[in-house]
Amino acid sequence: MEALKEKFARAAGVVLTEYKGLTVEQMTDLRGALREADVEYRVVKNTLARIASDGTSLEHVRENFTGPVGVALTYGDVALMTKSVLEYAKKNGTFKVTCGVIEGRPVSEAELQQIAALPPREVLLGVMAGTFQAPAAKLARLLEATVVRLGYALGALKEQKSAG
């Protein structure tokens, strides 16, 4: 139980699922697909999960620990985890996503859909870097233009003095 509590506390994102009706082969396929996205998938006993959720961000969704519950946990890219879990749910009708906790905040299935629609983290960081870089690049172009104009003015002045 302490190990599960530690996982709940450390996770950047958690998605609660209902796996009722999945075969052993489908469950193995699910775990393999999620492992590629650096996601751990565990089937948990509801009583144990409720106890382990005490004092963690999962405390807010503890009422969802009913029936056959599977927990997808990630310590990294939350968008990739939600995308992977929702893709599997779309592929397999018996697998359902109920809710989640992202960065300590409870989220519904609809919010998980929105998170899954986000571009990958690297793309967002690139966009952000470009946004920060744009003013500096504009300033550099302005300064370069000023120096070029000064050069033209000095060249014209030199020609004027040598001619006159």
C-alpha atoms as a PDB file:
ATOM      1  CA  MET A   1       0.000   0.000   0.000  1.00  0.00           C
ATOM      2  CA  GLU A   2       2.836   2.432   0.807  1.00  0.00           C
ATOM      3  CA  ALA A   3       4.333   1.803  -2.639  1.00  0.00           C
ATOM      4  CA  LEU A   4       1.017   2.681  -4.286  1.00  0.00           C
ATOM      5  CA  LYS A   5       0.657   5.809  -2.149  1.00  0.00           C
ATOM      6  CA  GLU A   6       4.168   6.886  -3.153  1.00  0.00           C
ATOM      7  CA  LYS A   7       3.324   6.352  -6.845  1.00  0.00           C
ATOM      8  CA  PHE A   8       0.115   8.378  -6.488  1.00  0.00           C
ATOM      9  CA  ALA A   9       1.983  11.211  -4.754  1.00  0.00           C
ATOM     10  CA  ARG A  10       4.854  11.277  -7.284  1.00  0.00           C
ATOM     11  CA  ALA A  11       2.799  11.007 -10.496  1.00  0.00           C
ATOM     12  CA  ALA A  12       2.455  14.081 -12.735  1.00  0.00           C
ATOM     13  CA  GLY A  13      -0.705  12.610 -14.206  1.00  0.00           C
ATOM     14  CA  VAL A  14      -3.134   9.820 -13.387  1.00  0.00           C
ATOM     15  CA  VAL A  15      -6.051   8.539 -15.471  1.00  0.00           C
ATOM     16  CA  LEU A  16      -8.684   6.234 -13.974  1.00  0.00           C
ATOM     17  CA  THR A  17     -10.148   3.686 -16.359  1.00  0.00           C
ATOM     18  CA  GLU A  18     -12.736   0.945 -16.410  1.00  0.00           C
ATOM     19  CA  TYR A  19     -11.308  -2.189 -17.999  1.00  0.00           C
ATOM     20  CA  LYS A  20     -14.340  -4.460 -17.573  1.00  0.00           C
ATOM     21  CA  GLY A  21     -14.634  -6.864 -20.508  1.00  0.00           C
ATOM     22  CA  LEU A  22     -11.002  -6.781 -21.634  1.00  0.00           C
ATOM     23  CA  THR A  23      -9.360 -10.119 -22.322  1.00  0.00           C
ATOM     24  CA  VAL A  24      -5.906 -10.989 -21.029  1.00  0.00           C
ATOM     25  CA  GLU A  25      -4.536 -10.456 -24.542  1.00  0.00           C
ATOM     26  CA  GLN A  26      -6.163  -7.007 -24.788  1.00  0.00           C
ATOM     27  CA  MET A  27      -4.837  -6.075 -21.347  1.00  0.00           C
ATOM     28  CA  THR A  28      -1.323  -7.113 -22.430  1.00  0.00           C
ATOM     29  CA  ASP A  29      -1.739  -5.047 -25.607  1.00  0.00           C
ATOM     30  CA  LEU A  30      -2.879  -2.058 -23.529  1.00  0.00           C
ATOM     31  CA  ARG A  31       0.078  -2.296 -21.163  1.00  0.00           C
ATOM     32  CA  GLY A  32       2.492  -2.572 -24.091  1.00  0.00           C
ATOM     33  CA  ALA A  33       1.014   0.470 -25.848  1.00  0.00           C
ATOM     34  CA  LEU A  34       1.142   2.521 -22.664  1.00  0.00           C
ATOM     35  CA  ARG A  35       4.677   1.393 -21.804  1.00  0.00           C
ATOM     36  CA  GLU A  36       5.850   2.907 -25.118  1.00  0.00           C
ATOM     37  CA  ALA A  37       4.453   6.249 -23.902  1.00  0.00           C
ATOM     38  CA  ASP A  38       6.282   5.873 -20.550  1.00  0.00           C
ATOM     39  CA  VAL A  39       3.013   5.129 -18.753  1.00  0.00           C
ATOM     40  CA  GLU A  40       2.532   2.549 -16.017  1.00  0.00           C
ATOM     41  CA  TYR A  41      -0.846   0.786 -15.956  1.00  0.00           C
ATOM     42  CA  ARG A  42      -2.008  -0.966 -12.812  1.00  0.00           C
ATOM     43  CA  VAL A  43      -5.186  -2.732 -11.813  1.00  0.00           C
ATOM     44  CA  VAL A  44      -5.894  -1.803  -8.209  1.00  0.00           C
ATOM     45  CA  LYS A  45      -8.255  -2.959  -5.519  1.00  0.00           C
ATOM     46  CA  ASN A  46     -10.676  -0.152  -4.750  1.00  0.00           C
ATOM     47  CA  THR A  47     -10.283  -0.261  -0.972  1.00  0.00           C
ATOM     48  CA  LEU A  48      -6.490  -0.231  -1.266  1.00  0.00           C
ATOM     49  CA  ALA A  49      -6.625   2.631  -3.800  1.00  0.00           C
ATOM     50  CA  ARG A  50      -8.909   4.699  -1.563  1.00  0.00           C
ATOM     51  CA  ILE A  51      -6.555   4.244   1.390  1.00  0.00           C
ATOM     52  CA  ALA A  52      -3.474   4.979  -0.744  1.00  0.00           C
ATOM     53  CA  SER A  53      -5.099   8.129  -2.160  1.00  0.00           C
ATOM     54  CA  ASP A  54      -5.327   9.741   1.312  1.00  0.00           C
ATOM     55  CA  GLY A  55      -3.064  12.782   1.420  1.00  0.00           C
ATOM     56  CA  THR A  56      -2.414  12.746  -2.346  1.00  0.00           C
ATOM     57  CA  SER A  57      -4.000  14.586  -5.249  1.00  0.00           C
ATOM     58  CA  LEU A  58      -6.094  11.468  -5.990  1.00  0.00           C
ATOM     59  CA  GLU A  59      -8.057  12.168  -2.823  1.00  0.00           C
ATOM     60  CA  HIS A  60     -10.313  14.398  -4.974  1.00  0.00           C
ATOM     61  CA  VAL A  61     -11.388  11.497  -7.219  1.00  0.00           C
ATOM     62  CA  ARG A  62     -11.533   8.699  -4.654  1.00  0.00           C
ATOM     63  CA  GLU A  63     -15.285   8.259  -5.222  1.00  0.00           C
ATOM     64  CA  ASN A  64     -14.384   6.899  -8.681  1.00  0.00           C
ATOM     65  CA  PHE A  65     -12.661   3.860  -7.162  1.00  0.00           C
ATOM     66  CA  THR A  66     -15.671   1.608  -7.754  1.00  0.00           C
ATOM     67  CA  GLY A  67     -16.000  -1.448  -9.963  1.00  0.00           C
ATOM     68  CA  PRO A  68     -13.019  -2.734 -11.926  1.00  0.00           C
ATOM     69  CA  VAL A  69     -10.584   0.207 -11.920  1.00  0.00           C
ATOM     70  CA  GLY A  70      -7.299   0.484 -13.746  1.00  0.00           C
ATOM     71  CA  VAL A  71      -4.905   3.343 -13.087  1.00  0.00           C
ATOM     72  CA  ALA A  72      -2.579   4.822 -15.725  1.00  0.00           C
ATOM     73  CA  LEU A  73       0.295   6.777 -14.143  1.00  0.00           C
ATOM     74  CA  THR A  74       2.984   8.926 -15.689  1.00  0.00           C
ATOM     75  CA  TYR A  75       5.839  10.868 -14.185  1.00  0.00           C
ATOM     76  CA  GLY A  76       6.612  12.666 -17.460  1.00  0.00           C
ATOM     77  CA  ASP A  77       4.567  13.928 -20.407  1.00  0.00           C
ATOM     78  CA  VAL A  78       0.934  14.118 -19.311  1.00  0.00           C
ATOM     79  CA  ALA A  79      -0.379  14.958 -22.804  1.00  0.00           C
ATOM     80  CA  LEU A  80       1.284  11.850 -24.256  1.00  0.00           C
ATOM     81  CA  MET A  81      -0.241   9.700 -21.509  1.00  0.00           C
ATOM     82  CA  THR A  82      -3.764  11.015 -22.048  1.00  0.00           C
ATOM     83  CA  LYS A  83      -3.389  10.686 -25.812  1.00  0.00           C
ATOM     84  CA  SER A  84      -2.258   7.058 -25.490  1.00  0.00           C
ATOM     85  CA  VAL A  85      -5.015   6.077 -23.053  1.00  0.00           C
ATOM     86  CA  LEU A  86      -7.755   7.774 -25.096  1.00  0.00           C
ATOM     87  CA  GLU A  87      -6.497   6.236 -28.364  1.00  0.00           C
ATOM     88  CA  TYR A  88      -6.759   2.788 -26.807  1.00  0.00           C
ATOM     89  CA  ALA A  89     -10.252   3.596 -25.498  1.00  0.00           C
ATOM     90  CA  LYS A  90     -11.304   4.686 -28.992  1.00  0.00           C
ATOM     91  CA  LYS A  91      -9.873   1.466 -30.461  1.00  0.00           C
ATOM     92  CA  ASN A  92     -11.521  -0.771 -27.881  1.00  0.00           C
ATOM     93  CA  GLY A  93     -15.131  -0.022 -26.940  1.00  0.00           C
ATOM     94  CA  THR A  94     -15.113  -1.973 -23.672  1.00  0.00           C
ATOM     95  CA  PHE A  95     -12.257   0.109 -22.232  1.00  0.00           C
ATOM     96  CA  LYS A  96     -13.496   3.406 -20.760  1.00  0.00           C
ATOM     97  CA  VAL A  97     -11.793   6.464 -19.303  1.00  0.00           C
ATOM     98  CA  THR A  98     -13.618   7.833 -16.252  1.00  0.00           C
ATOM     99  CA  CYS A  99     -11.534  10.779 -14.968  1.00  0.00           C
ATOM    100  CA  GLY A 100      -8.035  11.825 -14.046  1.00  0.00           C
ATOM    101  CA  VAL A 101      -5.771  14.024 -11.997  1.00  0.00           C
ATOM    102  CA  ILE A 102      -3.295  16.225 -13.845  1.00  0.00           C
ATOM    103  CA  GLU A 103      -0.671  18.199 -11.919  1.00  0.00           C
ATOM    104  CA  GLY A 104      -2.731  17.770  -8.748  1.00  0.00           C
ATOM    105  CA  ARG A 105      -6.014  18.957 -10.288  1.00  0.00           C
ATOM    106  CA  PRO A 106      -8.980  16.646 -10.906  1.00  0.00           C
ATOM    107  CA  VAL A 107     -10.091  16.578 -14.559  1.00  0.00           C
ATOM    108  CA  SER A 108     -13.070  15.057 -16.344  1.00  0.00           C
ATOM    109  CA  GLU A 109     -12.964  12.875 -19.433  1.00  0.00           C
ATOM    110  CA  ALA A 110     -13.822  15.916 -21.585  1.00  0.00           C
ATOM    111  CA  GLU A 111     -10.848  17.836 -20.162  1.00  0.00           C
ATOM    112  CA  LEU A 112      -8.631  14.815 -20.800  1.00  0.00           C
ATOM    113  CA  GLN A 113      -9.775  14.932 -24.444  1.00  0.00           C
ATOM    114  CA  GLN A 114      -8.646  18.574 -24.634  1.00  0.00           C
ATOM    115  CA  ILE A 115      -5.264  17.758 -23.086  1.00  0.00           C
ATOM    116  CA  ALA A 116      -4.786  14.899 -25.548  1.00  0.00           C
ATOM    117  CA  ALA A 117      -5.414  17.327 -28.426  1.00  0.00           C
ATOM    118  CA  LEU A 118      -2.423  19.452 -27.388  1.00  0.00           C
ATOM    119  CA  PRO A 119       0.710  19.186 -29.524  1.00  0.00           C
ATOM    120  CA  PRO A 120       3.687  17.364 -27.986  1.00  0.00           C
ATOM    121  CA  ARG A 121       5.704  19.138 -25.306  1.00  0.00           C
ATOM    122  CA  GLU A 122       8.696  19.692 -27.612  1.00  0.00           C
ATOM    123  CA  VAL A 123       6.511  21.495 -30.169  1.00  0.00           C
ATOM    124  CA  LEU A 124       5.016  23.752 -27.489  1.00  0.00           C
ATOM    125  CA  LEU A 125       8.490  24.561 -26.151  1.00  0.00           C
ATOM    126  CA  GLY A 126       9.639  25.396 -29.703  1.00  0.00           C
ATOM    127  CA  VAL A 127       6.705  27.749 -30.213  1.00  0.00           C
ATOM    128  CA  MET A 128       7.408  29.392 -26.876  1.00  0.00           C
ATOM    129  CA  ALA A 129      11.126  29.769 -27.687  1.00  0.00           C
ATOM    130  CA  GLY A 130      10.239  31.339 -31.041  1.00  0.00           C
ATOM    131  CA  THR A 131       7.917  33.780 -29.306  1.00  0.00           C
ATOM    132  CA  PHE A 132      10.654  34.805 -26.880  1.00  0.00           C
ATOM    133  CA  GLN A 133      13.252  35.032 -29.640  1.00  0.00           C
ATOM    134  CA  ALA A 134      11.176  37.218 -32.013  1.00  0.00           C
ATOM    135  CA  PRO A 135      11.682  40.574 -30.191  1.00  0.00           C
ATOM    136  CA  ALA A 136      15.446  39.993 -29.920  1.00  0.00           C
ATOM    137  CA  ALA A 137      15.682  39.128 -33.630  1.00  0.00           C
ATOM    138  CA  LYS A 138      13.689  42.244 -34.543  1.00  0.00           C
ATOM    139  CA  LEU A 139      16.013  44.403 -32.434  1.00  0.00           C
ATOM    140  CA  ALA A 140      19.057  42.851 -34.114  1.00  0.00           C
ATOM    141  CA  ARG A 141      17.623  43.635 -37.582  1.00  0.00           C
ATOM    142  CA  LEU A 142      16.877  47.232 -36.528  1.00  0.00           C
ATOM    143  CA  LEU A 143      20.398  47.742 -35.203  1.00  0.00           C
ATOM    144  CA  GLU A 144      21.874  46.220 -38.354  1.00  0.00           C
ATOM    145  CA  ALA A 145      19.785  48.563 -40.532  1.00  0.00           C
ATOM    146  CA  THR A 146      20.961  51.561 -38.484  1.00  0.00           C
ATOM    147  CA  VAL A 147      24.609  50.578 -38.911  1.00  0.00           C
ATOM    148  CA  VAL A 148      24.145  50.086 -42.672  1.00  0.00           C
ATOM    149  CA  ARG A 149      22.481  53.521 -42.984  1.00  0.00           C
ATOM    150  CA  LEU A 150      25.312  55.093 -40.994  1.00  0.00           C
ATOM    151  CA  GLY A 151      27.788  53.439 -43.352  1.00  0.00           C
ATOM    152  CA  TYR A 152      25.984  54.846 -46.407  1.00  0.00           C
ATOM    153  CA  ALA A 153      25.862  58.316 -44.825  1.00  0.00           C
ATOM    154  CA  LEU A 154      29.585  58.255 -44.022  1.00  0.00           C
ATOM    155  CA  GLY A 155      30.362  57.030 -47.561  1.00  0.00           C
ATOM    156  CA  ALA A 156      28.286  59.872 -49.055  1.00  0.00           C
ATOM    157  CA  LEU A 157      29.984  62.402 -46.744  1.00  0.00           C
ATOM    158  CA  LYS A 158      33.415  61.120 -47.780  1.00  0.00           C
ATOM    159  CA  GLU A 159      32.516  61.406 -51.481  1.00  0.00           C
ATOM    160  CA  GLN A 160      31.162  64.916 -50.918  1.00  0.00           C
ATOM    161  CA  LYS A 161      34.355  66.050 -49.135  1.00  0.00           C
ATOM    162  CA  SER A 162      36.635  64.505 -51.761  1.00  0.00           C
ATOM    163  CA  ALA A 163      34.609  66.104 -54.576  1.00  0.00           C
ATOM    164  CA  GLY A 164      34.443  69.508 -53.001  1.00  0.00           C
END
